[in-house]
Protein backbone atom coordinates (compact mmCIF):
# COMPACT_ATOMS: atom_id res chain seq x y z
CA UNK A 1 0.03 -0.03 -0.08
CA UNK A 2 1.23 3.23 -0.94
CA UNK A 3 1.66 6.08 1.85
CA UNK A 4 -0.01 9.04 1.63
CA UNK A 5 0.48 11.85 3.43
CA UNK A 6 -2.10 13.70 6.44
CA UNK A 7 -0.26 17.34 7.01
CA UNK A 8 -2.48 18.39 9.50
CA UNK A 9 -7.27 18.26 10.33
CA UNK A 10 -16.57 13.78 1.82
CA UNK A 11 -16.24 12.62 -1.64
CA UNK A 12 -14.26 15.33 -3.58
CA UNK A 13 -15.32 19.19 -3.05
CA UNK A 14 -12.52 20.53 -4.97
CA UNK A 15 -13.54 23.50 -7.43
CA UNK A 16 -14.26 22.14 -10.75
CA UNK A 17 -12.21 24.94 -12.21
CA UNK A 18 -9.28 25.21 -9.70
CA UNK A 19 -6.11 23.98 -10.22
CA UNK A 20 -2.47 24.74 -8.55
CA UNK A 21 -1.75 26.74 -12.37
CA UNK A 22 -4.85 28.43 -11.92
CA UNK A 23 -4.02 29.85 -8.34
CA UNK A 24 -2.83 33.74 -8.40
CA UNK A 25 -0.38 34.09 -5.61
CA UNK A 26 -0.94 38.34 -6.07
CA UNK A 27 -4.83 37.45 -4.91
CA UNK A 28 -4.54 35.10 -1.99
CA UNK A 29 -4.89 37.36 0.96
CA UNK A 30 -5.73 36.80 4.82
CA UNK A 31 -9.09 36.18 5.73
CA UNK A 32 -10.42 38.94 8.22
CA UNK A 33 -13.36 38.88 10.69
CA UNK A 34 -16.36 39.15 8.91
CA UNK A 35 -15.66 38.16 5.82
CA UNK A 36 -18.40 35.68 3.88
CA UNK A 37 -16.36 32.86 2.79
CA UNK A 38 -18.80 30.97 0.48
CA UNK A 39 -21.29 29.82 2.49
CA UNK A 40 -18.72 30.81 5.90
CA UNK A 41 -18.50 33.97 8.03
CA UNK A 42 -15.26 34.44 9.88
CA UNK A 43 -15.70 34.67 13.16
CA UNK A 44 -12.58 35.04 14.59
CA UNK A 45 -8.46 34.09 13.92
CA UNK A 46 -7.64 31.05 15.87
CA UNK A 47 -3.86 30.25 14.98
CA UNK A 48 -0.74 29.95 12.62
CA UNK A 49 1.11 27.07 11.94
CA UNK A 50 3.94 27.28 9.66
CA UNK A 51 2.16 26.55 6.50
CA UNK A 52 -0.91 27.71 7.40
CA UNK A 53 -3.56 30.09 9.36
CA UNK A 54 -6.92 28.48 11.14
CA UNK A 55 -10.55 30.64 11.69
CA UNK A 56 -13.41 30.30 13.33
CA UNK A 57 -16.34 30.27 11.58
CA UNK A 58 -20.04 29.79 11.15
CA UNK A 59 -21.66 27.81 8.26
CA UNK A 60 -24.70 30.08 7.80
CA UNK A 61 -26.45 26.80 5.85
CA UNK A 62 -25.84 24.34 8.44
CA UNK A 63 -25.68 26.81 11.14
CA UNK A 64 -22.55 25.25 13.32
CA UNK A 65 -19.21 26.45 13.66
CA UNK A 66 -16.46 25.45 11.75
CA UNK A 67 -12.55 25.77 11.36
CA UNK A 68 -11.10 27.21 8.23
CA UNK A 69 -7.85 26.73 7.20
CA UNK A 70 -6.14 28.48 4.56
CA UNK A 71 -2.47 28.43 3.08
CA UNK A 72 -0.16 31.33 4.17
CA UNK A 73 -0.27 34.37 1.57
CA UNK A 74 4.26 33.64 1.57
CA UNK A 75 3.44 30.26 0.52
CA UNK A 76 0.87 30.79 -1.90
CA UNK A 77 3.26 30.24 -4.82
CA UNK A 78 4.74 27.75 -3.73
CA UNK A 79 3.04 24.87 -5.92
CA UNK A 80 4.42 22.37 -3.73
CA UNK A 81 2.80 23.65 -0.70
CA UNK A 82 -0.77 24.37 -2.73
CA UNK A 83 -0.44 20.65 -3.95
CA UNK A 84 0.39 19.19 -0.43
CA UNK A 85 -2.65 21.37 1.23
CA UNK A 86 -4.75 19.89 -1.79
CA UNK A 87 -3.81 16.77 -0.90
CA UNK A 88 -4.25 17.13 2.86
CA UNK A 89 -7.81 18.10 1.99
CA UNK A 90 -8.20 15.26 -0.08
CA UNK A 91 -7.02 12.60 1.96
CA UNK A 92 -8.54 14.10 5.60
CA UNK A 93 -11.99 14.02 3.59
CA UNK A 94 -11.95 10.74 2.98
CA UNK A 95 -11.06 9.69 6.53
CA UNK A 96 -13.97 8.84 8.85
CA UNK A 97 -12.83 8.17 12.71
CA UNK A 98 -14.32 10.12 15.77
CA UNK A 99 -10.35 10.63 16.90
CA UNK A 100 -9.86 12.62 13.47
CA UNK A 101 -11.04 15.76 12.79
CA UNK A 102 -13.37 16.08 9.47
CA UNK A 103 -13.01 17.81 6.97
CA UNK A 104 -16.83 19.44 5.07
CA UNK A 105 -15.38 21.64 1.97
CA UNK A 106 -12.85 23.24 0.04
CA UNK A 107 -13.40 26.26 -2.01
CA UNK A 108 -11.26 29.28 -3.50
CA UNK A 109 -11.92 32.47 -1.98
CA UNK A 110 -10.87 35.23 -4.03
CA UNK A 111 -7.72 33.54 -5.07
CA UNK A 112 -7.05 32.22 -1.31
CA UNK A 113 -7.65 28.21 -0.85
CA UNK A 114 -9.44 27.46 2.32
CA UNK A 115 -10.51 23.97 3.65
CA UNK A 116 -13.63 24.16 6.00
CA UNK A 117 -13.34 21.77 8.82
CA UNK A 118 -15.09 20.36 12.11
CA UNK A 119 -14.40 22.74 14.70
CA UNK A 120 -13.66 20.76 17.92
CA UNK A 121 -14.58 22.46 21.15
CA UNK A 122 -11.81 21.90 24.05
CA UNK A 123 -8.44 22.69 24.62
CA UNK A 124 -5.24 21.43 23.23
CA UNK A 125 -3.19 18.69 24.65
CA UNK A 126 0.16 21.05 24.94
CA UNK A 127 -2.29 23.61 26.71
CA UNK A 128 -3.69 20.62 29.14
CA UNK A 129 0.37 19.79 29.75
CA UNK A 130 1.24 22.94 30.76
CA UNK A 131 -1.59 23.21 33.27
CA UNK A 132 0.55 20.09 35.07
CA UNK A 133 0.42 16.63 35.43
CA UNK A 134 -2.48 14.47 34.70
CA UNK A 135 -3.69 11.43 36.44
CA UNK A 136 -2.28 8.09 35.09
CA UNK A 137 -5.51 6.81 34.25
CA UNK A 138 -6.42 9.92 32.03
CA UNK A 139 -3.08 9.91 30.25
CA UNK A 140 -3.65 6.31 29.17
CA UNK A 141 -6.98 7.19 28.24
CA UNK A 142 -6.15 9.73 25.90
CA UNK A 143 -2.86 7.89 24.68
CA UNK A 144 -5.29 5.04 23.64
CA UNK A 145 -7.48 6.98 21.98
CA UNK A 146 -4.64 8.81 19.89
CA UNK A 147 -3.24 5.71 18.95
CA UNK A 148 -6.43 4.27 17.97
CA UNK A 149 -6.96 7.35 15.56
CA UNK A 150 -3.65 6.96 14.27
CA UNK A 151 -4.39 3.05 13.85
CA UNK A 152 -7.34 3.68 11.85
CA UNK A 153 -5.58 6.54 9.54
CA UNK A 154 -2.38 4.15 8.76
CA UNK A 155 -4.76 1.14 7.86
CA UNK A 156 -5.93 4.05 5.20
CA UNK A 157 -2.28 4.51 4.03
CA UNK A 158 -2.19 7.68 5.93
CA UNK A 159 0.68 9.23 7.98
CA UNK A 160 0.50 12.40 10.27
CA UNK A 161 3.67 14.02 10.02
CA UNK A 162 3.63 16.65 12.54
CA UNK A 163 1.90 14.80 15.29
CA UNK A 164 2.28 16.81 18.41
CA UNK A 165 0.48 18.26 21.45
CA UNK A 166 -0.64 21.30 19.80
CA UNK A 167 -2.41 19.11 17.24
CA UNK A 168 -4.42 16.99 19.86
CA UNK A 169 -7.56 18.68 21.37
CA UNK A 170 -9.51 17.22 24.28
CA UNK A 171 -12.93 17.69 23.75
CA UNK A 172 -15.14 19.14 26.63
CA UNK A 173 -16.31 15.56 27.09
CA UNK A 174 -12.40 14.65 27.59
CA UNK A 175 -11.93 13.18 24.13
CA UNK A 176 -8.87 13.31 22.25
CA UNK A 177 -9.26 14.36 18.79
CA UNK A 178 -6.38 14.24 16.31
CA UNK A 179 -6.40 17.78 14.08
């Protein structure tokens, strides 16, 4: 089985007219609070990583919170980065596991590629660890949940290349979810 790569986190939601060649890096922009991105209304900037930025948004059609992930403007002209971002969306969209963040949509917003993903309420494992030691039973339970989610991804040929505490959310219910 050929390994695929999950970089983060349906059928194909790629815009019919979209391709890496059609991207205009000069038009790629940062989202702002209040922007309408398709059916999503941007509510807040959440985080920034090496390749992308994440925003909290409201799905006006289904009336639910979502996370919008975009590729950072300085990477918008890099063909490899755009291809990885597209591949990430396609691969995540094919995974269906309660311990893995779901992808809902993929769109081009004024030259900026946007991935709409499940909004996971809770805190990052990183933040939880910064608050001090957790109980042994809690640590074992979280490790089991992360291992189970990773095993499900691996069974589909997907390897998470950036697994770290900040990419694992602990939900309000105490469950681990890989982003």
